[in-house]
Amino acid sequence: MLKSLGIRKKGSSATLSLPSPPPPASLPPISRPGLLTIRVLWADGLSLPTGTTVPPVVQAALASQQAKVAAAVSPSSVNEQRHLHKRASKRGDRDSVQRAQCWWLPYLVMEFDVNQVLITSLGGDIAKPIYMYQAHL
């Protein structure tokens, strides 16, 4: 048994020498069917290109009450809302978050193979929009 594991005794101590695995390049690629899950939580440090100004209609939206409410959205407040929804729901539904219309905030278009997913923000501000989105592709 000791010989099959490559253990050699040296005086009063034993050392273990296992055969080294083959290099990764010699292994054939493994293709497995499955589900790709992508999470987009938030973006950070976004800004307009130098010399670009915020359009007046977006400036007006940023000054609105709806924008102030959207700016108060944080990842922890979204998680809290999801937990409250799970407790209130008697069925085993997937959790749901109401996506308010924050058209003045940056959005994402995620592409993988032939799939496209449009992700609108839940809140935050222009520099740090909050998405809290999960896609299964």
C-alpha atoms as a PDB file:
ATOM      1  CA  MET A   1       0.000   0.000   0.000  1.00  0.00           C
ATOM      2  CA  LEU A   2       2.756   2.470   0.879  1.00  0.00           C
ATOM      3  CA  LYS A   3       4.592   1.667  -2.338  1.00  0.00           C
ATOM      4  CA  SER A   4       1.505   2.236  -4.532  1.00  0.00           C
ATOM      5  CA  LEU A   5       1.064   5.801  -3.176  1.00  0.00           C
ATOM      6  CA  GLY A   6       4.713   6.587  -3.774  1.00  0.00           C
ATOM      7  CA  ILE A   7       5.614   6.898  -0.087  1.00  0.00           C
ATOM      8  CA  ARG A   8       9.265   6.370   0.728  1.00  0.00           C
ATOM      9  CA  LYS A   9      10.603   6.163   4.233  1.00  0.00           C
ATOM     10  CA  LYS A  10      13.566   8.348   5.125  1.00  0.00           C
ATOM     11  CA  GLY A  11      14.885   7.631   8.562  1.00  0.00           C
ATOM     12  CA  SER A  12      12.038   8.351  10.972  1.00  0.00           C
ATOM     13  CA  SER A  13       9.882  10.423   8.596  1.00  0.00           C
ATOM     14  CA  ALA A  14       7.909   9.532   5.515  1.00  0.00           C
ATOM     15  CA  THR A  15       7.471  11.686   2.415  1.00  0.00           C
ATOM     16  CA  LEU A  16       4.672  11.471  -0.088  1.00  0.00           C
ATOM     17  CA  SER A  17       5.441  11.846  -3.777  1.00  0.00           C
ATOM     18  CA  LEU A  18       2.393  11.579  -5.986  1.00  0.00           C
ATOM     19  CA  PRO A  19       2.694  11.396  -9.733  1.00  0.00           C
ATOM     20  CA  SER A  20       2.210  14.846 -11.283  1.00  0.00           C
ATOM     21  CA  PRO A  21      -0.983  15.382 -13.278  1.00  0.00           C
ATOM     22  CA  PRO A  22      -0.663  15.796 -17.025  1.00  0.00           C
ATOM     23  CA  PRO A  23      -0.410  19.390 -18.225  1.00  0.00           C
ATOM     24  CA  PRO A  24      -3.787  21.038 -18.959  1.00  0.00           C
ATOM     25  CA  ALA A  25      -3.004  21.400 -22.668  1.00  0.00           C
ATOM     26  CA  SER A  26      -3.055  17.620 -23.089  1.00  0.00           C
ATOM     27  CA  LEU A  27      -6.630  17.327 -21.778  1.00  0.00           C
ATOM     28  CA  PRO A  28      -9.402  17.477 -24.378  1.00  0.00           C
ATOM     29  CA  PRO A  29     -11.902  20.343 -23.903  1.00  0.00           C
ATOM     30  CA  ILE A  30     -15.056  19.278 -22.110  1.00  0.00           C
ATOM     31  CA  SER A  31     -18.343  20.603 -23.425  1.00  0.00           C
ATOM     32  CA  ARG A  32     -21.214  20.318 -20.984  1.00  0.00           C
ATOM     33  CA  PRO A  33     -24.797  21.401 -21.442  1.00  0.00           C
ATOM     34  CA  GLY A  34     -26.082  23.626 -18.707  1.00  0.00           C
ATOM     35  CA  LEU A  35     -27.409  26.977 -17.653  1.00  0.00           C
ATOM     36  CA  LEU A  36     -25.334  30.142 -17.667  1.00  0.00           C
ATOM     37  CA  THR A  37     -26.315  32.532 -14.883  1.00  0.00           C
ATOM     38  CA  ILE A  38     -25.061  36.104 -14.975  1.00  0.00           C
ATOM     39  CA  ARG A  39     -25.594  38.638 -12.200  1.00  0.00           C
ATOM     40  CA  VAL A  40     -25.295  42.376 -12.682  1.00  0.00           C
ATOM     41  CA  LEU A  41     -25.415  44.195  -9.357  1.00  0.00           C
ATOM     42  CA  TRP A  42     -24.316  47.746 -10.098  1.00  0.00           C
ATOM     43  CA  ALA A  43     -21.908  49.878 -12.084  1.00  0.00           C
ATOM     44  CA  ASP A  44     -19.488  52.252 -10.426  1.00  0.00           C
ATOM     45  CA  GLY A  45     -17.598  55.317 -11.616  1.00  0.00           C
ATOM     46  CA  LEU A  46     -19.575  55.999 -14.788  1.00  0.00           C
ATOM     47  CA  SER A  47     -19.258  59.414 -16.364  1.00  0.00           C
ATOM     48  CA  LEU A  48     -20.047  61.195 -19.582  1.00  0.00           C
ATOM     49  CA  PRO A  49     -17.222  61.637 -22.078  1.00  0.00           C
ATOM     50  CA  THR A  50     -15.178  64.808 -21.678  1.00  0.00           C
ATOM     51  CA  GLY A  51     -16.879  67.785 -23.276  1.00  0.00           C
ATOM     52  CA  THR A  52     -20.330  66.186 -23.212  1.00  0.00           C
ATOM     53  CA  THR A  53     -23.054  67.896 -21.206  1.00  0.00           C
ATOM     54  CA  VAL A  54     -26.127  66.331 -19.669  1.00  0.00           C
ATOM     55  CA  PRO A  55     -29.151  67.097 -21.878  1.00  0.00           C
ATOM     56  CA  PRO A  56     -31.689  69.502 -20.335  1.00  0.00           C
ATOM     57  CA  VAL A  57     -34.442  66.864 -20.263  1.00  0.00           C
ATOM     58  CA  VAL A  58     -32.171  64.526 -18.231  1.00  0.00           C
ATOM     59  CA  GLN A  59     -31.187  67.403 -15.913  1.00  0.00           C
ATOM     60  CA  ALA A  60     -34.893  68.050 -15.288  1.00  0.00           C
ATOM     61  CA  ALA A  61     -35.457  64.331 -14.587  1.00  0.00           C
ATOM     62  CA  LEU A  62     -32.520  64.314 -12.137  1.00  0.00           C
ATOM     63  CA  ALA A  63     -34.176  67.157 -10.200  1.00  0.00           C
ATOM     64  CA  SER A  64     -37.535  65.336  -9.976  1.00  0.00           C
ATOM     65  CA  GLN A  65     -38.983  63.612  -6.927  1.00  0.00           C
ATOM     66  CA  GLN A  66     -38.811  60.266  -8.748  1.00  0.00           C
ATOM     67  CA  ALA A  67     -35.045  60.720  -9.187  1.00  0.00           C
ATOM     68  CA  LYS A  68     -34.649  61.444  -5.468  1.00  0.00           C
ATOM     69  CA  VAL A  69     -36.484  58.212  -4.645  1.00  0.00           C
ATOM     70  CA  ALA A  70     -34.358  56.307  -7.179  1.00  0.00           C
ATOM     71  CA  ALA A  71     -31.160  57.743  -5.681  1.00  0.00           C
ATOM     72  CA  ALA A  72     -32.135  56.232  -2.312  1.00  0.00           C
ATOM     73  CA  VAL A  73     -32.176  52.687  -3.766  1.00  0.00           C
ATOM     74  CA  SER A  74     -29.275  50.560  -2.555  1.00  0.00           C
ATOM     75  CA  PRO A  75     -28.380  46.878  -2.927  1.00  0.00           C
ATOM     76  CA  SER A  76     -29.391  46.259   0.700  1.00  0.00           C
ATOM     77  CA  SER A  77     -32.797  47.923   0.211  1.00  0.00           C
ATOM     78  CA  VAL A  78     -33.442  45.734  -2.859  1.00  0.00           C
ATOM     79  CA  ASN A  79     -32.478  42.600  -0.903  1.00  0.00           C
ATOM     80  CA  GLU A  80     -34.760  43.661   1.950  1.00  0.00           C
ATOM     81  CA  GLN A  81     -37.648  44.127  -0.479  1.00  0.00           C
ATOM     82  CA  ARG A  82     -37.014  40.648  -1.928  1.00  0.00           C
ATOM     83  CA  HIS A  83     -37.027  39.056   1.543  1.00  0.00           C
ATOM     84  CA  LEU A  84     -40.285  40.800   2.461  1.00  0.00           C
ATOM     85  CA  HIS A  85     -41.841  39.590  -0.788  1.00  0.00           C
ATOM     86  CA  LYS A  86     -40.752  35.996  -0.069  1.00  0.00           C
ATOM     87  CA  ARG A  87     -42.307  36.096   3.400  1.00  0.00           C
ATOM     88  CA  ALA A  88     -45.574  37.549   2.112  1.00  0.00           C
ATOM     89  CA  SER A  89     -45.823  35.053  -0.743  1.00  0.00           C
ATOM     90  CA  LYS A  90     -47.401  31.747   0.211  1.00  0.00           C
ATOM     91  CA  ARG A  91     -46.289  30.040  -2.971  1.00  0.00           C
ATOM     92  CA  GLY A  92     -42.743  29.103  -3.871  1.00  0.00           C
ATOM     93  CA  ASP A  93     -42.526  31.763  -6.596  1.00  0.00           C
ATOM     94  CA  ARG A  94     -39.297  33.277  -7.730  1.00  0.00           C
ATOM     95  CA  ASP A  95     -38.623  36.582  -6.058  1.00  0.00           C
ATOM     96  CA  SER A  96     -39.622  39.705  -7.907  1.00  0.00           C
ATOM     97  CA  VAL A  97     -38.527  43.309  -7.784  1.00  0.00           C
ATOM     98  CA  GLN A  98     -40.588  46.055  -9.318  1.00  0.00           C
ATOM     99  CA  ARG A  99     -38.457  47.852 -11.873  1.00  0.00           C
ATOM    100  CA  ALA A 100     -39.433  51.517 -11.818  1.00  0.00           C
ATOM    101  CA  GLN A 101     -38.955  53.557 -14.941  1.00  0.00           C
ATOM    102  CA  CYS A 102     -35.624  55.320 -14.439  1.00  0.00           C
ATOM    103  CA  TRP A 103     -35.132  56.230 -18.092  1.00  0.00           C
ATOM    104  CA  TRP A 104     -32.536  58.901 -17.240  1.00  0.00           C
ATOM    105  CA  LEU A 105     -30.122  56.320 -15.768  1.00  0.00           C
ATOM    106  CA  PRO A 106     -27.712  54.181 -17.803  1.00  0.00           C
ATOM    107  CA  TYR A 107     -28.985  50.810 -19.020  1.00  0.00           C
ATOM    108  CA  LEU A 108     -27.142  47.686 -20.165  1.00  0.00           C
ATOM    109  CA  VAL A 109     -27.529  45.440 -23.153  1.00  0.00           C
ATOM    110  CA  MET A 110     -26.018  42.052 -22.374  1.00  0.00           C
ATOM    111  CA  GLU A 111     -25.240  39.754 -25.292  1.00  0.00           C
ATOM    112  CA  PHE A 112     -24.272  36.098 -25.291  1.00  0.00           C
ATOM    113  CA  ASP A 113     -24.316  34.074 -28.510  1.00  0.00           C
ATOM    114  CA  VAL A 114     -27.625  35.121 -30.093  1.00  0.00           C
ATOM    115  CA  ASN A 115     -29.310  36.223 -26.840  1.00  0.00           C
ATOM    116  CA  GLN A 116     -29.755  39.879 -25.909  1.00  0.00           C
ATOM    117  CA  VAL A 117     -31.026  41.077 -22.554  1.00  0.00           C
ATOM    118  CA  LEU A 118     -31.920  44.709 -21.827  1.00  0.00           C
ATOM    119  CA  ILE A 119     -31.237  45.596 -18.193  1.00  0.00           C
ATOM    120  CA  THR A 120     -32.707  48.802 -16.803  1.00  0.00           C
ATOM    121  CA  SER A 121     -31.583  50.184 -13.485  1.00  0.00           C
ATOM    122  CA  LEU A 122     -33.620  50.005 -10.292  1.00  0.00           C
ATOM    123  CA  GLY A 123     -32.174  53.233  -8.964  1.00  0.00           C
ATOM    124  CA  GLY A 124     -28.971  54.911  -7.917  1.00  0.00           C
ATOM    125  CA  ASP A 125     -27.536  57.795  -9.860  1.00  0.00           C
ATOM    126  CA  ILE A 126     -25.752  58.378 -13.159  1.00  0.00           C
ATOM    127  CA  ALA A 127     -22.318  57.615 -11.694  1.00  0.00           C
ATOM    128  CA  LYS A 128     -23.461  54.473  -9.852  1.00  0.00           C
ATOM    129  CA  PRO A 129     -26.675  52.875 -11.155  1.00  0.00           C
ATOM    130  CA  ILE A 130     -28.073  49.896  -9.230  1.00  0.00           C
ATOM    131  CA  TYR A 131     -29.234  46.960 -11.393  1.00  0.00           C
ATOM    132  CA  MET A 132     -29.545  43.893  -9.102  1.00  0.00           C
ATOM    133  CA  TYR A 133     -30.364  41.719 -12.108  1.00  0.00           C
ATOM    134  CA  GLN A 134     -29.888  38.019 -12.731  1.00  0.00           C
ATOM    135  CA  ALA A 135     -30.157  36.464 -16.186  1.00  0.00           C
ATOM    136  CA  HIS A 136     -30.261  32.787 -17.096  1.00  0.00           C
ATOM    137  CA  LEU A 137     -28.947  32.212 -20.602  1.00  0.00           C
END
